[in-house]
C-alpha atoms as a PDB file:
ATOM      1  CA  UNK A   1      22.719  -4.575   1.781  1.00  0.00           C
ATOM      2  CA  UNK A   2      19.269  -5.331   2.872  1.00  0.00           C
ATOM      3  CA  UNK A   3      17.752  -5.665   6.503  1.00  0.00           C
ATOM      4  CA  UNK A   4      14.635  -7.057   7.452  1.00  0.00           C
ATOM      5  CA  UNK A   5      12.590  -5.578  10.165  1.00  0.00           C
ATOM      6  CA  UNK A   6       9.680  -7.064  11.631  1.00  0.00           C
ATOM      7  CA  UNK A   7       6.729  -4.733  11.962  1.00  0.00           C
ATOM      8  CA  UNK A   8       4.397  -5.756  14.701  1.00  0.00           C
ATOM      9  CA  UNK A   9       0.866  -4.314  14.622  1.00  0.00           C
ATOM     10  CA  UNK A  10       0.498  -1.113  16.648  1.00  0.00           C
ATOM     11  CA  UNK A  11      -2.782  -0.368  17.959  1.00  0.00           C
ATOM     12  CA  UNK A  12      -5.472  -2.725  16.578  1.00  0.00           C
ATOM     13  CA  UNK A  13      -9.196  -1.069  16.586  1.00  0.00           C
ATOM     14  CA  UNK A  14     -11.764  -2.604  14.402  1.00  0.00           C
ATOM     15  CA  UNK A  15      -9.762  -4.685  12.578  1.00  0.00           C
ATOM     16  CA  UNK A  16      -7.077  -2.229  11.751  1.00  0.00           C
ATOM     17  CA  UNK A  17      -3.648  -2.923  11.944  1.00  0.00           C
ATOM     18  CA  UNK A  18      -0.912   0.365  11.684  1.00  0.00           C
ATOM     19  CA  UNK A  19       2.312  -0.304  10.041  1.00  0.00           C
ATOM     20  CA  UNK A  20       4.851   2.199  11.751  1.00  0.00           C
ATOM     21  CA  UNK A  21       8.375   3.120  11.011  1.00  0.00           C
ATOM     22  CA  UNK A  22      11.127   1.238  13.629  1.00  0.00           C
ATOM     23  CA  UNK A  23      13.835   3.392  12.056  1.00  0.00           C
ATOM     24  CA  UNK A  24      14.328   6.926  10.864  1.00  0.00           C
ATOM     25  CA  UNK A  25      14.828   6.976   6.890  1.00  0.00           C
ATOM     26  CA  UNK A  26      13.192   7.934   3.657  1.00  0.00           C
ATOM     27  CA  UNK A  27      10.540   5.941   1.777  1.00  0.00           C
ATOM     28  CA  UNK A  28      12.724   4.413  -1.034  1.00  0.00           C
ATOM     29  CA  UNK A  29      10.394   2.709  -3.037  1.00  0.00           C
ATOM     30  CA  UNK A  30       6.438   1.857  -2.759  1.00  0.00           C
ATOM     31  CA  UNK A  31       5.499  -1.890  -3.450  1.00  0.00           C
ATOM     32  CA  UNK A  32       1.952  -1.646  -3.208  1.00  0.00           C
ATOM     33  CA  UNK A  33      -0.670   0.947  -3.804  1.00  0.00           C
ATOM     34  CA  UNK A  34      -3.696   2.376  -1.631  1.00  0.00           C
ATOM     35  CA  UNK A  35      -6.609   0.204  -1.744  1.00  0.00           C
ATOM     36  CA  UNK A  36      -4.405  -2.984  -3.008  1.00  0.00           C
ATOM     37  CA  UNK A  37      -5.190  -6.308  -1.153  1.00  0.00           C
ATOM     38  CA  UNK A  38      -1.759  -7.725   0.612  1.00  0.00           C
ATOM     39  CA  UNK A  39      -0.863 -10.889   2.048  1.00  0.00           C
ATOM     40  CA  UNK A  40       0.284 -11.615   5.583  1.00  0.00           C
ATOM     41  CA  UNK A  41       3.937 -10.603   4.740  1.00  0.00           C
ATOM     42  CA  UNK A  42       3.957  -8.777   1.888  1.00  0.00           C
ATOM     43  CA  UNK A  43       6.678  -6.356   1.250  1.00  0.00           C
ATOM     44  CA  UNK A  44       4.848  -2.955   1.323  1.00  0.00           C
ATOM     45  CA  UNK A  45       7.721  -0.335   0.890  1.00  0.00           C
ATOM     46  CA  UNK A  46      11.354  -0.131   1.297  1.00  0.00           C
ATOM     47  CA  UNK A  47      12.566   2.268   3.761  1.00  0.00           C
ATOM     48  CA  UNK A  48      16.344   3.654   3.179  1.00  0.00           C
ATOM     49  CA  UNK A  49      18.671   4.586   6.140  1.00  0.00           C
ATOM     50  CA  UNK A  50      22.629   4.840   6.302  1.00  0.00           C
ATOM     51  CA  UNK A  51      22.549   3.172   2.496  1.00  0.00           C
ATOM     52  CA  UNK A  52      20.706   0.185   3.760  1.00  0.00           C
ATOM     53  CA  UNK A  53      17.427  -0.794   2.083  1.00  0.00           C
ATOM     54  CA  UNK A  54      14.868  -1.957   4.917  1.00  0.00           C
ATOM     55  CA  UNK A  55      11.624  -3.882   3.598  1.00  0.00           C
ATOM     56  CA  UNK A  56       8.695  -3.318   5.570  1.00  0.00           C
ATOM     57  CA  UNK A  57       6.168  -5.958   5.683  1.00  0.00           C
ATOM     58  CA  UNK A  58       2.533  -6.301   6.165  1.00  0.00           C
ATOM     59  CA  UNK A  59       1.792  -7.425   9.816  1.00  0.00           C
ATOM     60  CA  UNK A  60      -1.526  -9.041   8.583  1.00  0.00           C
ATOM     61  CA  UNK A  61      -3.694  -9.647   5.222  1.00  0.00           C
ATOM     62  CA  UNK A  62      -6.103  -7.148   4.545  1.00  0.00           C
ATOM     63  CA  UNK A  63      -6.440  -3.837   2.318  1.00  0.00           C
ATOM     64  CA  UNK A  64      -3.601  -1.615   2.478  1.00  0.00           C
ATOM     65  CA  UNK A  65      -3.682   2.256   2.642  1.00  0.00           C
ATOM     66  CA  UNK A  66      -0.635   4.354   2.357  1.00  0.00           C
ATOM     67  CA  UNK A  67       0.015   6.581   4.604  1.00  0.00           C
ATOM     68  CA  UNK A  68       3.286   7.838   3.238  1.00  0.00           C
ATOM     69  CA  UNK A  69       4.723   9.568  -0.182  1.00  0.00           C
ATOM     70  CA  UNK A  70       7.680   8.412  -2.051  1.00  0.00           C
ATOM     71  CA  UNK A  71      10.859  10.129  -1.001  1.00  0.00           C
ATOM     72  CA  UNK A  72       9.302  11.091   2.450  1.00  0.00           C
ATOM     73  CA  UNK A  73      11.465  11.274   5.236  1.00  0.00           C
ATOM     74  CA  UNK A  74      10.026   9.147   8.329  1.00  0.00           C
ATOM     75  CA  UNK A  75      11.098   9.116  11.787  1.00  0.00           C
ATOM     76  CA  UNK A  76      11.079   6.388  14.405  1.00  0.00           C
ATOM     77  CA  UNK A  77       7.256   5.465  15.394  1.00  0.00           C
ATOM     78  CA  UNK A  78       5.850   7.429  12.443  1.00  0.00           C
ATOM     79  CA  UNK A  79       2.541   5.782  10.518  1.00  0.00           C
ATOM     80  CA  UNK A  80       3.281   4.210   7.416  1.00  0.00           C
ATOM     81  CA  UNK A  81       0.689   2.409   6.493  1.00  0.00           C
ATOM     82  CA  UNK A  82      -2.669   0.910   7.850  1.00  0.00           C
ATOM     83  CA  UNK A  83      -4.232  -2.348   7.025  1.00  0.00           C
ATOM     84  CA  UNK A  84      -7.990  -3.271   7.254  1.00  0.00           C
ATOM     85  CA  UNK A  85      -9.335  -6.873   7.281  1.00  0.00           C
END
């Protein structure tokens, strides 16, 4: 089962958008690499929680910097990635 969580930008400072976990889970798959340019809505990673895969999407277009690693456990509110314009 796949659930879609909307990712609203966190604090926006100097054209920087923070992508934060909205659920506790494990980084199941990384769909992009740090330094890669992404479009708004692009899937950045999948989190796994309670056997569900939850896509994490880019809130804006820009260059992504991943803040997590594959298989890392994250909690609600943890910083997953930063996107700069």
